[in-house]
Protein backbone atom coordinates (compact mmCIF):
# COMPACT_ATOMS: atom_id res chain seq x y z
CA PRO A 1 -8.80 -39.92 36.83
CA GLN A 2 -12.13 -40.21 38.61
CA ILE A 3 -13.08 -36.55 38.20
CA ASP A 4 -12.95 -33.92 35.46
CA CYS A 5 -11.49 -30.42 35.41
CA PHE A 6 -13.14 -27.72 33.32
CA TYR A 7 -10.51 -25.03 32.77
CA VAL A 8 -11.14 -21.49 31.47
CA TYR A 9 -7.92 -19.68 30.65
CA PRO A 10 -7.05 -16.02 31.37
CA THR A 11 -6.81 -13.16 28.92
CA VAL A 12 -4.06 -14.13 26.49
CA SER A 13 -5.36 -13.41 22.98
CA SER A 14 -3.32 -10.86 21.05
CA GLU A 15 -5.83 -10.70 18.21
CA LEU A 16 -6.72 -7.20 16.99
CA THR A 17 -10.45 -7.68 17.62
CA VAL A 18 -12.63 -7.25 20.70
CA ASN A 19 -13.46 -10.95 21.01
CA ALA A 20 -11.02 -13.68 20.04
CA ASN A 21 -11.90 -16.18 17.35
CA LEU A 22 -12.33 -19.87 18.14
CA VAL A 23 -8.93 -20.96 16.88
CA ALA A 24 -6.55 -22.22 19.55
CA GLY A 25 -3.56 -19.99 18.86
CA PRO A 26 -0.10 -20.31 20.39
CA GLU A 27 -1.07 -18.16 23.40
CA GLU A 28 -4.11 -20.29 24.26
CA LYS A 29 -2.17 -23.52 23.81
CA GLN A 30 0.76 -22.38 25.94
CA ILE A 31 -1.34 -21.07 28.83
CA ALA A 32 -3.30 -24.35 28.91
CA ILE A 33 -0.01 -26.25 29.06
CA ASP A 34 1.39 -23.93 31.73
CA GLN A 35 -1.69 -23.90 33.95
CA ALA A 36 -4.16 -26.70 33.23
CA SER A 37 -1.77 -29.54 32.46
CA ARG A 38 -0.65 -29.48 36.09
CA PHE A 39 -4.08 -30.88 37.02
CA SER A 40 -4.01 -33.77 34.52
CA PRO A 41 -2.64 -36.38 36.98
CA THR A 42 -5.75 -35.95 39.16
CA CYS A 43 -8.49 -35.05 36.67
CA LYS A 44 -9.40 -35.32 33.02
CA VAL A 45 -8.90 -31.74 31.76
CA TYR A 46 -11.32 -29.99 29.40
CA ALA A 47 -10.01 -26.64 28.20
CA PRO A 48 -12.36 -25.18 25.58
CA VAL A 49 -11.46 -22.30 23.30
CA TYR A 50 -13.89 -19.41 23.82
CA PRO A 51 -14.36 -15.91 22.34
CA GLN A 52 -12.58 -14.17 25.17
CA LEU A 53 -12.11 -10.44 25.41
CA THR A 54 -8.70 -9.83 23.87
CA LEU A 55 -5.75 -8.01 25.43
CA LEU A 56 -6.37 -5.12 23.03
CA ALA A 57 -10.03 -4.88 24.06
CA ILE A 58 -9.38 -4.79 27.79
CA THR A 59 -6.71 -2.10 27.41
CA THR A 60 -8.67 0.14 25.02
CA ALA A 61 -11.23 2.42 26.64
CA GLY A 62 -14.75 1.70 25.45
CA ASP A 63 -14.01 -1.60 23.69
CA VAL A 64 -15.43 -3.84 26.42
CA THR A 65 -19.14 -3.52 25.80
CA PRO A 66 -21.88 -5.56 27.48
CA ALA A 67 -22.35 -7.38 24.15
CA ALA A 68 -18.65 -8.31 23.95
CA SER A 69 -18.64 -9.53 27.56
CA GLU A 70 -21.81 -11.52 26.93
CA LYS A 71 -20.24 -13.13 23.86
CA ALA A 72 -17.31 -14.36 25.97
CA TYR A 73 -19.68 -15.73 28.65
CA ILE A 74 -21.97 -17.43 26.12
CA GLY A 75 -18.89 -19.14 24.66
CA VAL A 76 -17.96 -20.56 28.06
CA LEU A 77 -21.57 -21.46 28.88
CA SER A 78 -21.97 -23.28 25.55
CA ALA A 79 -18.70 -25.16 26.09
CA PHE A 80 -19.78 -26.17 29.61
CA GLN A 81 -23.18 -27.35 28.37
CA GLU A 82 -21.49 -29.36 25.61
CA TYR A 83 -19.05 -30.84 28.14
CA LEU A 84 -21.96 -31.90 30.39
CA ALA A 85 -23.97 -33.36 27.50
CA LYS A 86 -21.19 -35.21 25.68
CA TYR A 87 -18.31 -35.93 28.05
CA ASN A 88 -19.25 -35.72 31.73
CA ASP A 89 -21.37 -38.88 32.24
CA GLY A 90 -22.38 -37.72 35.73
CA ARG A 91 -18.80 -37.45 37.02
CA GLY A 92 -17.68 -34.94 39.59
CA PHE A 93 -15.93 -31.87 38.21
CA VAL A 94 -13.60 -29.11 39.32
CA LEU A 95 -13.92 -25.66 37.76
CA ILE A 96 -10.60 -23.87 37.31
CA GLY A 97 -10.35 -20.32 36.04
CA HIS A 98 -7.75 -17.60 36.08
CA SER A 99 -8.38 -13.87 35.62
CA GLN A 100 -10.99 -13.49 32.84
CA GLY A 101 -11.57 -17.24 33.10
CA ALA A 102 -12.32 -16.90 36.83
CA LEU A 103 -14.78 -14.08 36.20
CA LEU A 104 -16.61 -16.10 33.56
CA LEU A 105 -16.74 -19.17 35.81
CA LYS A 106 -18.05 -16.99 38.62
CA GLN A 107 -20.96 -16.02 36.37
CA LEU A 108 -21.44 -19.67 35.33
CA ILE A 109 -21.56 -20.77 38.97
CA LYS A 110 -24.03 -18.03 39.84
CA GLU A 111 -26.37 -18.72 36.93
CA GLN A 112 -26.04 -22.47 36.36
CA ILE A 113 -24.58 -24.27 39.37
CA ASP A 114 -25.69 -22.29 42.44
CA PRO A 115 -29.42 -22.78 41.69
CA SER A 116 -29.05 -26.45 40.64
CA PRO A 117 -28.87 -29.14 43.37
CA THR A 118 -27.74 -31.68 40.74
CA LEU A 119 -24.81 -29.58 39.51
CA ARG A 120 -23.87 -28.54 43.05
CA LYS A 121 -23.60 -32.23 43.96
CA GLN A 122 -21.29 -32.83 40.97
CA LEU A 123 -19.15 -29.80 41.78
CA VAL A 124 -16.09 -31.18 43.58
CA SER A 125 -14.67 -27.67 43.90
CA ALA A 126 -14.03 -24.44 42.05
CA VAL A 127 -10.70 -22.65 42.00
CA LEU A 128 -11.10 -19.05 40.88
CA LEU A 129 -7.67 -17.44 40.70
CA GLY A 130 -7.73 -13.69 40.40
CA GLY A 131 -11.50 -13.66 40.72
CA ASN A 132 -12.93 -12.08 43.83
CA VAL A 133 -15.87 -13.85 45.42
CA LEU A 134 -17.71 -12.02 48.16
CA VAL A 135 -19.25 -13.58 51.26
CA PRO A 136 -20.55 -11.78 54.32
CA LYS A 137 -18.07 -11.62 57.18
CA GLY A 138 -18.23 -14.79 59.25
CA LYS A 139 -20.32 -16.65 56.64
CA THR A 140 -19.52 -19.07 53.81
CA VAL A 141 -22.50 -18.21 51.58
CA GLY A 142 -24.85 -15.29 51.05
CA GLY A 143 -22.73 -12.90 49.03
CA ASP A 144 -22.12 -13.79 45.40
CA PHE A 145 -23.61 -17.28 45.83
CA GLN A 146 -26.53 -18.46 47.89
CA ASN A 147 -25.72 -22.18 47.91
CA VAL A 148 -22.11 -22.77 46.83
CA PRO A 149 -19.99 -22.05 49.92
CA ALA A 150 -16.42 -20.89 50.30
CA CYS A 151 -14.17 -23.80 51.30
CA GLN A 152 -13.11 -23.78 54.94
CA THR A 153 -10.75 -26.77 55.07
CA GLY A 154 -8.34 -28.52 52.72
CA GLY A 155 -10.43 -31.67 52.34
CA GLN A 156 -13.81 -29.99 51.93
CA THR A 157 -15.74 -30.55 48.69
CA HIS A 158 -18.71 -28.92 46.93
CA CYS A 159 -17.20 -25.50 47.64
CA LEU A 160 -14.90 -22.91 46.10
CA VAL A 161 -11.60 -21.19 46.66
CA ALA A 162 -11.02 -17.71 45.26
CA TYR A 163 -8.18 -15.30 45.75
CA SER A 164 -6.25 -12.52 44.12
CA SER A 165 -2.61 -11.67 44.63
CA PHE A 166 -0.95 -8.29 44.26
CA LEU A 167 2.62 -7.08 43.90
CA LYS A 168 2.02 -4.47 46.62
CA GLU A 169 -0.59 -3.86 49.28
């Protein structure tokens, strides 16, 4: 494939800690197969293991501290920086995240890609599933991001798609 996909998986860790360890357990492997492998015909997929907030942490009041959230983000940031340094070779990339993965990629876009013309040029698109991205009504930028716009057409690049679905209104 001519482009890469950098995939950050959703909350799946059943570990009994706040942040998951860096061992790809059966949950992490299966979700990558279920979600990211679908992109492999069109992009080279990178799916790093990161110290995500575990299922226990997000369902236990008080367990999700700023430090625990920062640890998860730093894990994704470090993996992205390593991907750029060792594997990217200037290729275009798609960011794909679901749930917690989408939220962490949203932060990565805001802090690393939105202010960088070089990374914005490499960004083919971002797909943030279950991660709300805000833009002012009638605009494509100016809410969460100042430079990375919301996609408006199917063939548009250097933009992002974000949505959440619900069982009921």
